[in-house]
N, C-alpha and C. Protein backbone atom coordinates (compact mmCIF):
# COMPACT_ATOMS: atom_id res chain seq x y z
N MET A 1 -42.05 88.37 40.29
CA MET A 1 -42.00 88.84 38.91
C MET A 1 -43.43 88.93 38.40
N VAL A 2 -43.72 89.97 37.69
CA VAL A 2 -45.04 90.19 37.13
C VAL A 2 -45.16 89.41 35.85
N LYS A 3 -46.29 88.80 35.63
CA LYS A 3 -46.47 87.89 34.51
C LYS A 3 -46.21 88.54 33.14
N GLY A 4 -46.71 89.68 32.88
CA GLY A 4 -46.57 90.30 31.56
C GLY A 4 -45.33 91.14 31.38
N SER A 5 -44.54 91.37 32.42
CA SER A 5 -43.41 92.28 32.30
C SER A 5 -42.29 91.72 31.44
N ARG A 6 -42.07 90.44 31.49
CA ARG A 6 -40.98 89.85 30.71
C ARG A 6 -41.26 89.96 29.20
N GLY A 7 -42.47 89.62 28.79
CA GLY A 7 -42.82 89.69 27.37
C GLY A 7 -42.78 91.10 26.83
N SER A 8 -43.22 92.06 27.62
CA SER A 8 -43.25 93.43 27.12
C SER A 8 -41.85 93.99 26.96
N SER A 9 -40.90 93.59 27.81
CA SER A 9 -39.54 94.10 27.67
C SER A 9 -38.88 93.50 26.44
N ASN A 10 -39.17 92.24 26.13
CA ASN A 10 -38.62 91.64 24.91
C ASN A 10 -39.16 92.32 23.67
N ARG A 11 -40.43 92.65 23.71
CA ARG A 11 -41.03 93.32 22.56
C ARG A 11 -40.39 94.68 22.34
N SER A 12 -40.17 95.43 23.40
CA SER A 12 -39.61 96.76 23.24
C SER A 12 -38.18 96.69 22.73
N ARG A 13 -37.43 95.66 23.10
CA ARG A 13 -36.07 95.52 22.60
C ARG A 13 -36.03 95.30 21.10
N SER A 14 -36.98 94.55 20.57
CA SER A 14 -36.95 94.26 19.13
C SER A 14 -37.23 95.49 18.29
N TYR A 15 -37.93 96.48 18.86
CA TYR A 15 -38.22 97.71 18.10
C TYR A 15 -37.12 98.74 18.21
N HIS A 16 -36.26 98.67 19.23
CA HIS A 16 -35.23 99.68 19.44
C HIS A 16 -33.86 99.05 19.26
N ARG A 17 -33.48 98.87 18.05
CA ARG A 17 -32.16 98.29 17.77
C ARG A 17 -31.16 99.42 17.56
N ALA A 18 -29.94 99.14 17.92
CA ALA A 18 -28.89 100.14 17.75
C ALA A 18 -28.61 100.33 16.27
N LYS A 19 -28.45 101.58 15.89
CA LYS A 19 -28.13 101.88 14.50
C LYS A 19 -26.64 101.70 14.28
N PRO A 20 -26.23 101.20 13.10
CA PRO A 20 -24.80 101.01 12.86
C PRO A 20 -24.09 102.35 12.78
N SER A 21 -22.86 102.36 13.20
CA SER A 21 -22.06 103.58 13.17
C SER A 21 -21.68 103.90 11.74
N ARG A 22 -21.78 105.17 11.37
CA ARG A 22 -21.41 105.61 10.02
C ARG A 22 -19.95 106.01 9.94
N LYS A 23 -19.26 106.00 11.07
CA LYS A 23 -17.86 106.42 11.09
C LYS A 23 -16.98 105.20 10.81
N CYS A 24 -16.47 105.11 9.60
CA CYS A 24 -15.55 104.02 9.26
C CYS A 24 -14.54 104.56 8.26
N SER A 25 -13.45 103.84 8.08
CA SER A 25 -12.38 104.33 7.23
C SER A 25 -12.76 104.37 5.76
N THR A 26 -13.59 103.45 5.31
CA THR A 26 -14.03 103.47 3.92
C THR A 26 -15.54 103.59 3.87
N PRO A 27 -16.04 104.58 3.18
CA PRO A 27 -17.50 104.74 3.11
C PRO A 27 -18.14 103.61 2.33
N TYR A 28 -19.38 103.29 2.70
CA TYR A 28 -20.12 102.23 2.03
C TYR A 28 -20.50 102.68 0.64
N LYS A 29 -20.24 101.84 -0.35
CA LYS A 29 -20.63 102.13 -1.73
C LYS A 29 -21.47 100.97 -2.21
N SER A 30 -22.57 101.28 -2.84
CA SER A 30 -23.39 100.21 -3.39
C SER A 30 -22.76 99.70 -4.66
N SER A 31 -22.91 98.44 -4.91
CA SER A 31 -22.35 97.83 -6.12
C SER A 31 -23.42 97.84 -7.20
N SER A 32 -23.69 99.00 -7.75
CA SER A 32 -24.76 99.13 -8.73
C SER A 32 -24.46 98.37 -10.01
N LYS A 33 -23.18 98.29 -10.39
CA LYS A 33 -22.83 97.54 -11.60
C LYS A 33 -23.16 96.07 -11.43
N LYS A 34 -22.80 95.51 -10.28
CA LYS A 34 -23.05 94.09 -10.04
C LYS A 34 -24.54 93.79 -9.99
N SER A 35 -25.29 94.63 -9.26
CA SER A 35 -26.72 94.38 -9.15
C SER A 35 -27.42 94.61 -10.48
N ALA A 36 -26.96 95.57 -11.27
CA ALA A 36 -27.55 95.81 -12.59
C ALA A 36 -27.29 94.63 -13.50
N ARG A 37 -26.07 94.07 -13.41
CA ARG A 37 -25.73 92.91 -14.23
C ARG A 37 -26.58 91.72 -13.85
N ALA A 38 -26.74 91.49 -12.57
CA ALA A 38 -27.53 90.35 -12.10
C ALA A 38 -28.99 90.49 -12.50
N SER A 39 -29.53 91.69 -12.38
CA SER A 39 -30.94 91.87 -12.73
C SER A 39 -31.16 91.80 -14.23
N SER A 40 -30.18 92.27 -15.03
CA SER A 40 -30.36 92.20 -16.48
C SER A 40 -30.30 90.77 -16.98
N SER A 41 -29.48 89.92 -16.33
CA SER A 41 -29.43 88.52 -16.76
C SER A 41 -30.73 87.81 -16.41
N ASN A 42 -31.39 88.25 -15.35
CA ASN A 42 -32.67 87.65 -14.99
C ASN A 42 -33.80 88.13 -15.89
N ASN A 43 -33.61 89.26 -16.54
CA ASN A 43 -34.66 89.78 -17.42
C ASN A 43 -34.54 89.25 -18.85
N LYS A 44 -33.44 88.60 -19.16
CA LYS A 44 -33.26 88.03 -20.50
C LYS A 44 -34.01 86.71 -20.58
N PRO A 45 -34.53 86.40 -21.75
CA PRO A 45 -35.25 85.12 -21.87
C PRO A 45 -34.30 83.93 -21.73
N ALA A 46 -34.82 82.85 -21.22
CA ALA A 46 -34.09 81.59 -21.10
C ALA A 46 -34.99 80.49 -21.63
N TYR A 47 -34.43 79.32 -21.87
CA TYR A 47 -35.15 78.26 -22.56
C TYR A 47 -35.03 76.94 -21.82
N THR A 48 -36.08 76.13 -21.91
CA THR A 48 -36.02 74.75 -21.45
C THR A 48 -36.34 73.85 -22.64
N TYR A 49 -35.85 72.64 -22.60
CA TYR A 49 -36.08 71.71 -23.70
C TYR A 49 -36.26 70.30 -23.17
N GLN A 50 -36.87 69.47 -23.98
CA GLN A 50 -37.06 68.06 -23.64
C GLN A 50 -36.44 67.23 -24.74
N ALA A 51 -35.49 66.40 -24.38
CA ALA A 51 -34.82 65.52 -25.34
C ALA A 51 -35.39 64.12 -25.21
N ASN A 52 -35.68 63.50 -26.33
CA ASN A 52 -36.11 62.10 -26.36
C ASN A 52 -34.86 61.24 -26.47
N LEU A 53 -34.69 60.35 -25.54
CA LEU A 53 -33.52 59.48 -25.51
C LEU A 53 -33.89 58.08 -25.96
N SER A 54 -32.87 57.29 -26.27
CA SER A 54 -33.12 55.90 -26.66
C SER A 54 -33.81 55.17 -25.51
N GLY A 55 -34.63 54.19 -25.85
CA GLY A 55 -35.34 53.41 -24.84
C GLY A 55 -36.56 54.10 -24.26
N GLY A 56 -37.07 55.15 -24.93
CA GLY A 56 -38.25 55.85 -24.45
C GLY A 56 -38.01 56.75 -23.25
N ARG A 57 -36.76 57.06 -22.99
CA ARG A 57 -36.42 57.91 -21.85
C ARG A 57 -36.44 59.38 -22.27
N LYS A 58 -36.52 60.27 -21.28
CA LYS A 58 -36.57 61.71 -21.52
C LYS A 58 -35.51 62.42 -20.69
N TYR A 59 -35.02 63.54 -21.23
CA TYR A 59 -34.09 64.40 -20.50
C TYR A 59 -34.62 65.83 -20.59
N ILE A 60 -34.75 66.50 -19.45
CA ILE A 60 -35.22 67.87 -19.40
C ILE A 60 -34.03 68.77 -19.12
N GLY A 61 -33.80 69.76 -19.98
CA GLY A 61 -32.64 70.63 -19.82
C GLY A 61 -33.01 72.10 -19.93
N MET A 62 -32.00 72.96 -19.70
CA MET A 62 -32.20 74.40 -19.72
C MET A 62 -30.99 75.10 -20.33
N ALA A 63 -31.22 76.21 -20.98
CA ALA A 63 -30.16 77.06 -21.51
C ALA A 63 -30.51 78.51 -21.23
N THR A 64 -29.49 79.33 -21.03
CA THR A 64 -29.72 80.71 -20.60
C THR A 64 -29.88 81.71 -21.73
N SER A 65 -29.66 81.30 -22.97
CA SER A 65 -29.87 82.20 -24.11
C SER A 65 -30.18 81.37 -25.35
N LYS A 66 -30.61 82.04 -26.41
CA LYS A 66 -30.93 81.31 -27.64
C LYS A 66 -29.68 80.69 -28.25
N ALA A 67 -28.57 81.43 -28.21
CA ALA A 67 -27.31 80.89 -28.73
C ALA A 67 -26.85 79.70 -27.90
N ALA A 68 -26.98 79.82 -26.58
CA ALA A 68 -26.60 78.71 -25.70
C ALA A 68 -27.50 77.51 -25.91
N LEU A 69 -28.77 77.76 -26.22
CA LEU A 69 -29.72 76.68 -26.49
C LEU A 69 -29.29 75.89 -27.73
N LYS A 70 -28.98 76.61 -28.81
CA LYS A 70 -28.55 75.94 -30.04
C LYS A 70 -27.29 75.11 -29.80
N LYS A 71 -26.33 75.71 -29.10
CA LYS A 71 -25.07 75.00 -28.81
C LYS A 71 -25.33 73.79 -27.91
N ARG A 72 -26.18 73.97 -26.90
CA ARG A 72 -26.48 72.90 -25.96
C ARG A 72 -27.17 71.72 -26.65
N ILE A 73 -28.11 72.02 -27.52
CA ILE A 73 -28.82 70.95 -28.24
C ILE A 73 -27.85 70.19 -29.14
N GLN A 74 -27.00 70.92 -29.87
CA GLN A 74 -26.00 70.25 -30.74
C GLN A 74 -25.08 69.35 -29.91
N THR A 75 -24.65 69.85 -28.75
CA THR A 75 -23.77 69.08 -27.88
C THR A 75 -24.47 67.84 -27.35
N GLN A 76 -25.73 68.01 -26.92
CA GLN A 76 -26.48 66.86 -26.40
C GLN A 76 -26.70 65.81 -27.48
N LEU A 77 -27.06 66.24 -28.69
CA LEU A 77 -27.31 65.29 -29.79
C LEU A 77 -26.06 64.55 -30.21
N SER A 78 -24.91 65.24 -30.18
CA SER A 78 -23.66 64.59 -30.58
C SER A 78 -23.12 63.68 -29.48
N GLY A 79 -23.48 63.99 -28.21
CA GLY A 79 -22.99 63.18 -27.10
C GLY A 79 -21.53 63.44 -26.79
N GLY A 80 -21.00 64.53 -27.32
CA GLY A 80 -19.59 64.85 -27.14
C GLY A 80 -19.29 65.55 -25.83
N LYS A 81 -18.11 66.17 -25.78
CA LYS A 81 -17.67 66.88 -24.59
C LYS A 81 -18.64 68.01 -24.29
N GLY A 82 -19.07 68.11 -23.05
CA GLY A 82 -20.02 69.14 -22.65
C GLY A 82 -21.46 68.64 -22.58
N ALA A 83 -21.72 67.46 -23.14
CA ALA A 83 -23.06 66.88 -23.05
C ALA A 83 -23.27 66.33 -21.64
N SER A 84 -24.50 66.30 -21.22
CA SER A 84 -24.78 65.75 -19.89
C SER A 84 -24.43 64.27 -19.86
N SER A 85 -24.10 63.78 -18.69
CA SER A 85 -23.74 62.36 -18.55
C SER A 85 -24.90 61.46 -18.97
N VAL A 86 -26.12 61.93 -18.75
CA VAL A 86 -27.30 61.16 -19.13
C VAL A 86 -27.37 61.03 -20.66
N CYS A 87 -27.11 62.12 -21.37
CA CYS A 87 -27.17 62.09 -22.84
C CYS A 87 -25.99 61.35 -23.45
N ARG A 88 -24.89 61.25 -22.71
CA ARG A 88 -23.77 60.43 -23.19
C ARG A 88 -24.09 58.96 -23.02
N GLN A 89 -24.82 58.63 -21.95
CA GLN A 89 -25.17 57.23 -21.67
C GLN A 89 -26.29 56.76 -22.60
N SER A 90 -27.35 57.52 -22.73
CA SER A 90 -28.50 57.18 -23.58
C SER A 90 -28.59 58.21 -24.68
N LYS A 91 -28.21 57.84 -25.86
CA LYS A 91 -28.13 58.78 -26.98
C LYS A 91 -29.48 59.45 -27.28
N PRO A 92 -29.50 60.79 -27.36
CA PRO A 92 -30.74 61.48 -27.74
C PRO A 92 -31.11 61.19 -29.19
N THR A 93 -32.38 60.93 -29.43
CA THR A 93 -32.85 60.70 -30.79
C THR A 93 -33.42 61.98 -31.40
N SER A 94 -33.99 62.85 -30.55
CA SER A 94 -34.55 64.12 -31.03
C SER A 94 -34.84 65.04 -29.85
N ILE A 95 -35.11 66.29 -30.20
CA ILE A 95 -35.57 67.27 -29.22
C ILE A 95 -37.05 67.50 -29.52
N SER A 96 -37.91 67.16 -28.58
CA SER A 96 -39.34 67.22 -28.87
C SER A 96 -39.98 68.56 -28.52
N ARG A 97 -39.49 69.23 -27.51
CA ARG A 97 -40.12 70.47 -27.08
C ARG A 97 -39.07 71.49 -26.66
N VAL A 98 -39.32 72.75 -27.02
CA VAL A 98 -38.50 73.87 -26.55
C VAL A 98 -39.47 74.95 -26.08
N PHE A 99 -39.22 75.46 -24.87
CA PHE A 99 -40.08 76.48 -24.31
C PHE A 99 -39.25 77.72 -23.98
N LYS A 100 -39.80 78.89 -24.28
CA LYS A 100 -39.15 80.16 -23.97
C LYS A 100 -39.75 80.69 -22.67
N HIS A 101 -38.87 81.21 -21.78
CA HIS A 101 -39.31 81.75 -20.49
C HIS A 101 -38.80 83.18 -20.34
N ALA A 102 -39.45 83.96 -19.52
CA ALA A 102 -39.14 85.38 -19.36
C ALA A 102 -37.78 85.62 -18.70
N SER A 103 -37.33 84.70 -17.87
CA SER A 103 -36.07 84.89 -17.16
C SER A 103 -35.44 83.54 -16.83
N VAL A 104 -34.19 83.59 -16.38
CA VAL A 104 -33.48 82.38 -15.98
C VAL A 104 -34.19 81.74 -14.78
N ALA A 105 -34.62 82.57 -13.85
CA ALA A 105 -35.32 82.04 -12.67
C ALA A 105 -36.61 81.32 -13.08
N ALA A 106 -37.35 81.91 -14.01
CA ALA A 106 -38.58 81.27 -14.49
C ALA A 106 -38.27 79.97 -15.22
N ALA A 107 -37.18 79.95 -15.98
CA ALA A 107 -36.79 78.74 -16.71
C ALA A 107 -36.39 77.63 -15.74
N LYS A 108 -35.65 77.97 -14.69
CA LYS A 108 -35.25 76.97 -13.70
C LYS A 108 -36.48 76.37 -13.02
N LYS A 109 -37.41 77.23 -12.68
CA LYS A 109 -38.64 76.77 -12.03
C LYS A 109 -39.43 75.87 -12.97
N ALA A 110 -39.53 76.26 -14.24
CA ALA A 110 -40.27 75.48 -15.24
C ALA A 110 -39.56 74.15 -15.52
N GLU A 111 -38.24 74.16 -15.55
CA GLU A 111 -37.47 72.94 -15.79
C GLU A 111 -37.77 71.92 -14.68
N THR A 112 -37.76 72.37 -13.44
CA THR A 112 -38.06 71.49 -12.32
C THR A 112 -39.49 70.98 -12.37
N ALA A 113 -40.42 71.87 -12.69
CA ALA A 113 -41.84 71.47 -12.78
C ALA A 113 -42.05 70.46 -13.92
N ARG A 114 -41.42 70.69 -15.08
CA ARG A 114 -41.55 69.76 -16.20
C ARG A 114 -40.93 68.41 -15.85
N TYR A 115 -39.79 68.42 -15.16
CA TYR A 115 -39.16 67.17 -14.74
C TYR A 115 -40.14 66.36 -13.87
N HIS A 116 -40.72 67.02 -12.88
CA HIS A 116 -41.63 66.32 -11.96
C HIS A 116 -42.90 65.84 -12.66
N SER A 117 -43.45 66.64 -13.57
CA SER A 117 -44.68 66.22 -14.26
C SER A 117 -44.39 65.06 -15.22
N THR A 118 -43.24 65.09 -15.89
CA THR A 118 -42.87 63.99 -16.79
C THR A 118 -42.58 62.73 -15.99
N LYS A 119 -41.93 62.90 -14.84
CA LYS A 119 -41.64 61.76 -13.96
C LYS A 119 -42.94 61.13 -13.45
N ALA A 120 -43.94 61.95 -13.17
CA ALA A 120 -45.23 61.42 -12.70
C ALA A 120 -45.91 60.59 -13.78
N ILE A 121 -45.70 60.95 -15.05
CA ILE A 121 -46.32 60.23 -16.16
C ILE A 121 -45.54 58.96 -16.51
N LEU A 122 -44.21 59.10 -16.68
CA LEU A 122 -43.39 57.99 -17.17
C LEU A 122 -42.75 57.15 -16.06
N GLY A 123 -42.58 57.73 -14.89
CA GLY A 123 -41.88 57.04 -13.80
C GLY A 123 -40.46 57.56 -13.66
N ALA A 124 -39.92 57.46 -12.46
CA ALA A 124 -38.59 57.99 -12.16
C ALA A 124 -37.48 57.28 -12.94
N HIS A 125 -37.72 56.06 -13.35
CA HIS A 125 -36.70 55.28 -14.08
C HIS A 125 -36.59 55.70 -15.55
N LYS A 126 -37.45 56.61 -16.01
CA LYS A 126 -37.43 57.02 -17.42
C LYS A 126 -37.11 58.49 -17.66
N VAL A 127 -36.92 59.29 -16.59
CA VAL A 127 -36.74 60.73 -16.75
C VAL A 127 -35.52 61.22 -15.97
N ARG A 128 -34.75 62.11 -16.59
CA ARG A 128 -33.62 62.76 -15.92
C ARG A 128 -33.62 64.23 -16.31
N GLY A 129 -32.90 65.02 -15.52
CA GLY A 129 -32.77 66.45 -15.77
C GLY A 129 -33.11 67.25 -14.55
N ALA A 130 -32.97 68.58 -14.64
CA ALA A 130 -33.28 69.51 -13.55
C ALA A 130 -32.53 69.13 -12.28
N GLY A 131 -31.25 68.78 -12.41
CA GLY A 131 -30.45 68.42 -11.25
C GLY A 131 -30.51 66.96 -10.87
N HIS A 132 -31.40 66.21 -11.46
CA HIS A 132 -31.53 64.77 -11.19
C HIS A 132 -30.85 64.03 -12.34
N THR A 133 -29.56 63.80 -12.22
CA THR A 133 -28.80 63.24 -13.34
C THR A 133 -28.12 61.92 -13.00
N LYS A 134 -28.66 61.21 -12.04
CA LYS A 134 -28.14 59.88 -11.72
C LYS A 134 -28.30 58.99 -12.94
N ALA A 135 -27.35 58.13 -13.20
CA ALA A 135 -27.40 57.26 -14.38
C ALA A 135 -28.65 56.39 -14.37
N PHE A 136 -29.18 56.13 -15.55
CA PHE A 136 -30.34 55.25 -15.69
C PHE A 136 -29.93 53.84 -15.30
N PRO A 137 -30.84 53.08 -14.70
CA PRO A 137 -30.52 51.67 -14.39
C PRO A 137 -30.40 50.88 -15.68
N LYS A 138 -29.53 49.89 -15.68
CA LYS A 138 -29.33 49.10 -16.90
C LYS A 138 -30.20 47.88 -16.91
């Protein structure tokens, strides 16, 4: 066997792939409505917020619209149905910061970054949010 022959045949195979057959019972249709809906929701602004909880603890949260933000803050402050388990356990005293982001994806990224930066300052035992919602130690 020649040393370079095996590698060259593998390379040529990766460039010459079989094209899919266009003959099928139902023609392919793109789902433009679905993709348009998904892209428009990503282009709408989203919000992140920081809630001050009892005992000097913090909760970092996110909402996908301004109306959802108002409803979410009211729910978190009341501690009622729909509030995060963390906010039901440690009553929020106030909302200290609200940030507007260009999209839901940007808000999720910012929520995670804010959680980690706040955790670095206060410690893991004082911060919850961004998917980290384990109950605070008593």
